[in-house]
Each structure stands twice: as C-alpha cells, then as structure tokens.
Amino acid sequence: MAEQDNGAKSSVITVKKYANRRLYNTSTSSYVTLDHLAEMVKEGAEFVVTDAKTGEDITRSVLTQIIVEQEGKGQNLLPIKFLRQVIGFYGDSLGGLVPRYLEHSMEAFHQNEARMRGSMQEALKGLFPMPGLEEMGKQNMALFENAMKMWAPFTQINRTPGAAPNGAAATPEKAEDIDALKSQLSVMQQQLDKLVKDRS
C-alpha cells in the first residue's frame, strides 16, 4: 500500500507560480497559462500550484482564477443566484458543510454524466441514427442545407409577391408557415451544434 501511495503522489504535477504571475510546469520544464491548466483539469491530470518563493499551496486560488476566466468567455455555468448563496455562507456557522456538500453533489453528477450522455444520444437515435454526436451534427448540417434548398422556390415567391410558378400567388398563411419551419430548423441546428461542441 505504501508503494502505491508513493506512486500516486509522484504522479501529481507541481506548477510553480512566480511573482510576475507566470506559471511553470516542473514536469515539462515549460511555462504554461491558465488555459493550459484548464485543459489539464479536463484531461484528468492531477496538479498542485505552489508559490515559487514561499512554497505555499495556492492551488485553490488558481483554480478559482480558471473558473473566473472561463465564466468571462461566455459559458456561464454558475448561476448568479448560486453565487450569491455561496457568498452568503462565508462566515456562517454552516459554511464548513458547504464544501463537502458541493463536492459530493458534483461527484454524483460526474458519475451520472456518462449515463446522461448515453440517454441523450439514445433519445436522438430515431431522428439521427449516427454512432456519435459529431456525425449526428454533420448529418444535421446536410439536412439543414437540403431543407434550405427545398424552401428556396418559396423564398423567391416571398421576395417577389405575385411571381409564383404557374401564375399562382403565394398566400400570407403559407409564407408564415414556411418562415416558422425555417425558424424551427435554425433552432434545431443551433441546439445540435451546441451538443457537438460540448461533447468535443
């Protein structure tokens, strides 16, 4: 058991933070950025960040910085209400229970992640029988483009009222139906693009 523990400890990467805020990965002997550390987290790499001068463990503050940067890029995972509630627990007598509760909740969510992805893929299999979300996205793009070609004649009618084939004028009701279908296809495309992006 002792040998396993030592092996586990040796696999933890040490990152040193210098006074100029630069981060140095001691395992690769290279400077890294917060984006690099974010990728390491996603890949499951274990690391600790220490102050290069004092040796103090500052992993928590650096991970918090990563979250702030990721939130600033537009993908907001932390609702404002949640942030207010967390802040409210600082200094509270129950504040000590919050870290363990959040850790347990996220661990449970992580364990169910594969099941959730599988359920989502299974639910969409009937519409898009593809082996993965990436292929599903590609097929959906082709479907969307073909649909736009199919609606092209109607689009011409909408742009030039009264110029319908065979002298038939387009009715406002039909034009509205076509616009609604195009809008639904556009929303579907955006949702599937997001699924593919999140999966990758």
Protein backbone atom coordinates (compact mmCIF):
# COMPACT_ATOMS: atom_id res chain seq x y z
CA MET A 1 0.00 0.00 0.00
CA ALA A 2 2.84 2.39 0.83
CA GLU A 3 4.35 1.89 -2.62
CA GLN A 4 1.01 2.64 -4.26
CA ASP A 5 0.63 5.80 -2.20
CA ASN A 6 4.10 6.97 -3.19
CA GLY A 7 3.31 6.24 -6.82
CA ALA A 8 0.12 8.25 -6.59
CA LYS A 9 1.95 11.18 -5.03
CA SER A 10 4.69 11.12 -7.66
CA SER A 11 2.06 11.40 -10.42
CA VAL A 12 0.91 14.78 -9.09
CA ILE A 13 2.38 17.59 -11.21
CA THR A 14 3.85 20.62 -9.46
CA VAL A 15 3.25 24.01 -11.02
CA LYS A 16 5.13 26.98 -9.60
CA LYS A 17 3.73 30.49 -9.71
CA TYR A 18 6.26 33.31 -9.76
CA ALA A 19 5.95 36.91 -8.65
CA ASN A 20 5.37 38.01 -12.24
CA ARG A 21 2.30 35.71 -12.27
CA ARG A 22 3.93 33.29 -14.70
CA LEU A 23 3.19 29.61 -14.16
CA TYR A 24 5.93 27.00 -14.58
CA ASN A 25 5.14 23.31 -15.11
CA THR A 26 8.00 21.42 -13.47
CA SER A 27 7.13 18.13 -15.22
CA THR A 28 7.55 19.60 -18.72
CA SER A 29 10.02 22.34 -17.78
CA SER A 30 7.90 24.92 -19.57
CA TYR A 31 5.77 27.93 -18.79
CA VAL A 32 2.02 27.44 -19.02
CA THR A 33 -1.11 29.56 -18.92
CA LEU A 34 -4.41 29.24 -17.10
CA ASP A 35 -5.88 27.83 -20.31
CA HIS A 36 -3.24 25.07 -20.23
CA LEU A 37 -4.16 24.26 -16.64
CA ALA A 38 -7.84 24.19 -17.59
CA GLU A 39 -7.06 21.60 -20.28
CA MET A 40 -5.06 19.57 -17.76
CA VAL A 41 -8.08 19.53 -15.45
CA LYS A 42 -10.33 18.32 -18.29
CA GLU A 43 -7.80 15.59 -19.11
CA GLY A 44 -7.83 14.41 -15.50
CA ALA A 45 -4.24 15.44 -14.73
CA GLU A 46 -3.55 15.99 -11.02
CA PHE A 47 -1.51 19.06 -10.17
CA VAL A 48 -0.78 21.43 -7.32
CA VAL A 49 0.22 25.06 -7.68
CA THR A 50 2.73 26.46 -5.24
CA ASP A 51 4.14 29.92 -4.68
CA ALA A 52 7.66 29.79 -6.11
CA LYS A 53 9.03 31.98 -3.31
CA THR A 54 7.26 30.69 -0.19
CA GLY A 55 6.25 27.19 -1.29
CA GLU A 56 2.69 27.88 -0.14
CA ASP A 57 -0.02 25.77 -1.78
CA ILE A 58 -2.16 28.20 -3.82
CA THR A 59 -3.99 25.60 -5.91
CA ARG A 60 -7.42 26.74 -4.70
CA SER A 61 -6.91 30.38 -5.72
CA VAL A 62 -5.52 29.40 -9.14
CA LEU A 63 -8.44 27.05 -9.84
CA THR A 64 -10.76 29.88 -8.85
CA GLN A 65 -8.97 32.11 -11.37
CA ILE A 66 -9.56 29.50 -14.06
CA ILE A 67 -13.29 29.46 -13.27
CA VAL A 68 -13.42 33.27 -13.45
CA GLU A 69 -11.71 33.24 -16.85
CA GLN A 70 -13.98 30.51 -18.21
CA GLU A 71 -17.06 32.37 -16.99
CA GLY A 72 -15.76 35.51 -18.68
CA LYS A 73 -15.60 33.70 -22.02
CA GLY A 74 -19.37 33.38 -22.16
CA GLN A 75 -20.07 29.84 -20.99
CA ASN A 76 -21.75 30.66 -17.70
CA LEU A 77 -22.06 27.50 -15.60
CA LEU A 78 -22.54 29.28 -12.28
CA PRO A 79 -25.95 30.98 -11.92
CA ILE A 80 -25.99 34.35 -10.17
CA LYS A 81 -28.38 33.02 -7.52
CA PHE A 82 -25.94 30.19 -6.75
CA LEU A 83 -23.02 32.61 -6.46
CA ARG A 84 -24.99 34.81 -4.06
CA GLN A 85 -25.86 31.79 -1.92
CA VAL A 86 -22.23 30.65 -1.76
CA ILE A 87 -21.06 34.13 -0.77
CA GLY A 88 -23.75 34.22 1.91
CA PHE A 89 -22.27 31.13 3.56
CA TYR A 90 -18.87 32.77 4.15
CA GLY A 91 -18.59 33.38 7.89
CA ASP A 92 -21.77 31.40 8.55
CA SER A 93 -21.73 28.61 11.13
CA LEU A 94 -22.86 26.15 8.45
CA GLY A 95 -20.24 27.32 5.98
CA GLY A 96 -17.98 24.41 6.85
CA LEU A 97 -20.53 21.96 5.48
CA VAL A 98 -20.79 23.64 2.08
CA PRO A 99 -17.51 22.32 0.56
CA ARG A 100 -18.33 18.70 1.41
CA TYR A 101 -21.89 19.10 0.12
CA LEU A 102 -20.75 20.65 -3.17
CA GLU A 103 -18.02 18.04 -3.60
CA HIS A 104 -20.47 15.19 -3.01
CA SER A 105 -23.04 16.71 -5.39
CA MET A 106 -20.51 17.23 -8.20
CA GLU A 107 -19.12 13.72 -7.72
CA ALA A 108 -22.62 12.27 -8.07
CA PHE A 109 -23.21 14.39 -11.17
CA HIS A 110 -19.89 13.25 -12.67
CA GLN A 111 -20.75 9.59 -12.08
CA ASN A 112 -24.06 10.03 -13.89
CA GLU A 113 -22.52 12.04 -16.72
CA ALA A 114 -21.90 9.03 -18.99
CA ARG A 115 -25.44 7.79 -18.38
CA MET A 116 -26.86 11.22 -19.21
CA ARG A 117 -24.87 11.42 -22.46
CA GLY A 118 -25.98 7.92 -23.40
CA SER A 119 -29.62 8.72 -22.71
CA MET A 120 -29.41 11.87 -24.81
CA GLN A 121 -27.81 10.02 -27.69
CA GLU A 122 -30.37 7.21 -27.43
CA ALA A 123 -33.24 9.70 -27.46
CA LEU A 124 -31.96 11.26 -30.69
CA LYS A 125 -31.11 7.94 -32.37
CA GLY A 126 -34.53 7.67 -34.02
CA LEU A 127 -34.11 11.01 -35.74
CA PHE A 128 -30.39 10.80 -36.43
CA PRO A 129 -29.14 7.17 -36.46
CA MET A 130 -25.45 8.00 -36.16
CA PRO A 131 -22.78 6.43 -33.91
CA GLY A 132 -21.76 9.71 -32.28
CA LEU A 133 -22.78 13.28 -31.71
CA GLU A 134 -20.13 14.58 -34.13
CA GLU A 135 -21.52 12.51 -37.01
CA MET A 136 -25.03 13.47 -35.98
CA GLY A 137 -24.05 17.12 -36.27
CA LYS A 138 -22.60 16.60 -39.75
CA GLN A 139 -25.74 14.86 -40.98
CA ASN A 140 -27.92 17.54 -39.46
CA MET A 141 -25.95 20.22 -41.31
CA ALA A 142 -26.54 18.38 -44.61
CA LEU A 143 -30.22 18.01 -43.74
CA PHE A 144 -30.45 21.70 -42.93
CA GLU A 145 -28.79 22.71 -46.24
CA ASN A 146 -31.07 20.43 -48.23
CA ALA A 147 -34.09 21.84 -46.44
CA MET A 148 -32.99 25.35 -47.33
CA LYS A 149 -32.70 24.32 -51.00
CA MET A 150 -36.17 22.80 -50.78
CA TRP A 151 -37.59 26.06 -49.45
CA ALA A 152 -35.70 28.19 -52.00
CA PRO A 153 -38.60 28.45 -54.51
CA PHE A 154 -40.91 29.62 -51.74
CA THR A 155 -38.32 32.17 -50.67
CA GLN A 156 -38.31 33.58 -54.20
CA ILE A 157 -42.07 33.84 -54.03
CA ASN A 158 -41.88 35.73 -50.75
CA ARG A 159 -39.38 38.20 -52.20
CA THR A 160 -41.43 38.84 -55.35
CA PRO A 161 -45.14 38.72 -54.46
CA GLY A 162 -47.34 37.57 -57.28
CA ALA A 163 -44.49 35.88 -59.16
CA ALA A 164 -45.29 32.33 -58.13
CA PRO A 165 -44.91 29.45 -60.63
CA ASN A 166 -47.88 28.80 -62.92
CA GLY A 167 -49.20 32.24 -62.03
CA ALA A 168 -50.28 31.18 -58.51
CA ALA A 169 -49.79 33.87 -55.88
CA ALA A 170 -48.33 32.90 -52.51
CA THR A 171 -50.74 33.33 -49.64
CA PRO A 172 -49.65 35.10 -46.41
CA GLU A 173 -50.61 31.99 -44.45
CA LYS A 174 -48.26 29.77 -46.49
CA ALA A 175 -45.43 32.30 -46.20
CA GLU A 176 -45.84 32.34 -42.42
CA ASP A 177 -45.83 28.53 -42.28
CA ILE A 178 -42.61 28.41 -44.30
CA ASP A 179 -40.95 31.02 -42.09
CA ALA A 180 -41.97 29.07 -38.99
CA LEU A 181 -40.49 25.84 -40.36
CA LYS A 182 -37.24 27.60 -41.31
CA SER A 183 -37.06 29.09 -37.82
CA GLN A 184 -37.54 25.67 -36.21
CA LEU A 185 -34.80 24.17 -38.38
CA SER A 186 -32.47 27.01 -37.40
CA VAL A 187 -33.14 26.45 -33.68
CA MET A 188 -32.57 22.69 -34.08
CA GLN A 189 -29.26 23.36 -35.84
CA GLN A 190 -28.07 25.66 -33.04
CA GLN A 191 -29.01 23.15 -30.34
CA LEU A 192 -27.23 20.26 -32.05
CA ASP A 193 -24.16 22.40 -32.76
CA LYS A 194 -24.01 23.13 -29.02
CA LEU A 195 -24.31 19.40 -28.20
CA VAL A 196 -21.47 18.59 -30.59
CA LYS A 197 -19.32 21.40 -29.18
CA ASP A 198 -19.95 20.33 -25.57
CA ARG A 199 -19.18 16.69 -26.44
CA SER A 200 -15.86 17.60 -28.06
